[in-house]
Amino acid sequence: MSFAIYLTGVAIFLGGLVYGAILLNVPHQWIFVGAIILLGLSIITGVKVTRQKDPTS
């Protein structure tokens, strides 16, 4: 799986969560904080998942 595909999925997922939080009238600062935290965790996870193994020689 490529990193770009992974981040596209994360962006769609995060957009849905933000939209749902807006519909639930969650304060905007908490939506922003949650989105930044989830984005950071997603990038860390995406790098770990899509990293190529070093060839053993």
C-alpha atoms as a PDB file:
ATOM      1  CA  MET A   1       0.000   0.000   0.000  1.00  0.00           C
ATOM      2  CA  SER A   2       1.407   3.408  -0.894  1.00  0.00           C
ATOM      3  CA  PHE A   3       1.629   6.281   1.537  1.00  0.00           C
ATOM      4  CA  ALA A   4      -0.485   8.539  -0.713  1.00  0.00           C
ATOM      5  CA  ILE A   5      -3.365   6.053  -0.784  1.00  0.00           C
ATOM      6  CA  TYR A   6      -3.129   5.680   2.983  1.00  0.00           C
ATOM      7  CA  LEU A   7      -3.251   9.446   3.527  1.00  0.00           C
ATOM      8  CA  THR A   8      -6.187   9.791   1.134  1.00  0.00           C
ATOM      9  CA  GLY A   9      -8.153   7.301   3.207  1.00  0.00           C
ATOM     10  CA  VAL A  10      -7.183   9.083   6.406  1.00  0.00           C
ATOM     11  CA  ALA A  11      -8.298  12.430   4.943  1.00  0.00           C
ATOM     12  CA  ILE A  12     -11.706  11.007   4.006  1.00  0.00           C
ATOM     13  CA  PHE A  13     -12.090   9.400   7.442  1.00  0.00           C
ATOM     14  CA  LEU A  14     -11.005  12.572   9.232  1.00  0.00           C
ATOM     15  CA  GLY A  15     -13.355  14.671   7.118  1.00  0.00           C
ATOM     16  CA  GLY A  16     -16.257  12.444   8.109  1.00  0.00           C
ATOM     17  CA  LEU A  17     -15.366  12.710  11.793  1.00  0.00           C
ATOM     18  CA  VAL A  18     -15.063  16.496  11.603  1.00  0.00           C
ATOM     19  CA  TYR A  19     -18.387  16.777   9.777  1.00  0.00           C
ATOM     20  CA  GLY A  20     -20.082  14.573  12.373  1.00  0.00           C
ATOM     21  CA  ALA A  21     -18.599  16.619  15.205  1.00  0.00           C
ATOM     22  CA  ILE A  22     -19.891  19.819  13.606  1.00  0.00           C
ATOM     23  CA  LEU A  23     -23.363  18.299  13.316  1.00  0.00           C
ATOM     24  CA  LEU A  24     -23.190  17.385  17.016  1.00  0.00           C
ATOM     25  CA  ASN A  25     -22.298  21.007  17.865  1.00  0.00           C
ATOM     26  CA  VAL A  26     -18.903  20.144  19.335  1.00  0.00           C
ATOM     27  CA  PRO A  27     -16.937  23.366  20.023  1.00  0.00           C
ATOM     28  CA  HIS A  28     -14.625  24.236  17.143  1.00  0.00           C
ATOM     29  CA  GLN A  29     -11.441  24.333  19.221  1.00  0.00           C
ATOM     30  CA  TRP A  30     -11.984  20.700  20.277  1.00  0.00           C
ATOM     31  CA  ILE A  31     -12.663  19.648  16.703  1.00  0.00           C
ATOM     32  CA  PHE A  32      -9.387  21.302  15.687  1.00  0.00           C
ATOM     33  CA  VAL A  33      -7.427  19.675  18.529  1.00  0.00           C
ATOM     34  CA  GLY A  34      -8.872  16.231  17.764  1.00  0.00           C
ATOM     35  CA  ALA A  35      -8.205  16.580  14.046  1.00  0.00           C
ATOM     36  CA  ILE A  36      -4.559  17.573  14.614  1.00  0.00           C
ATOM     37  CA  ILE A  37      -3.995  14.666  17.017  1.00  0.00           C
ATOM     38  CA  LEU A  38      -5.611  12.136  14.663  1.00  0.00           C
ATOM     39  CA  LEU A  39      -3.673  13.502  11.698  1.00  0.00           C
ATOM     40  CA  GLY A  40      -0.385  13.185  13.560  1.00  0.00           C
ATOM     41  CA  LEU A  41      -1.136   9.639  14.694  1.00  0.00           C
ATOM     42  CA  SER A  42      -2.200   8.715  11.175  1.00  0.00           C
ATOM     43  CA  ILE A  43       1.034   9.998   9.655  1.00  0.00           C
ATOM     44  CA  ILE A  44       3.106   8.061  12.200  1.00  0.00           C
ATOM     45  CA  THR A  45       1.075   4.904  11.559  1.00  0.00           C
ATOM     46  CA  GLY A  46       1.182   5.397   7.784  1.00  0.00           C
ATOM     47  CA  VAL A  47       4.941   5.699   7.742  1.00  0.00           C
ATOM     48  CA  LYS A  48       5.228   2.561   9.845  1.00  0.00           C
ATOM     49  CA  VAL A  49       2.799   0.557   7.690  1.00  0.00           C
ATOM     50  CA  THR A  50       4.072   1.637   4.275  1.00  0.00           C
ATOM     51  CA  ARG A  51       7.803   1.602   5.069  1.00  0.00           C
ATOM     52  CA  GLN A  52       9.875  -0.614   2.816  1.00  0.00           C
ATOM     53  CA  LYS A  53      11.982  -3.202   4.575  1.00  0.00           C
ATOM     54  CA  ASP A  54      15.723  -2.742   4.218  1.00  0.00           C
ATOM     55  CA  PRO A  55      17.285  -5.451   2.063  1.00  0.00           C
ATOM     56  CA  THR A  56      19.458  -7.767   4.124  1.00  0.00           C
ATOM     57  CA  SER A  57      22.816  -8.302   2.520  1.00  0.00           C
END
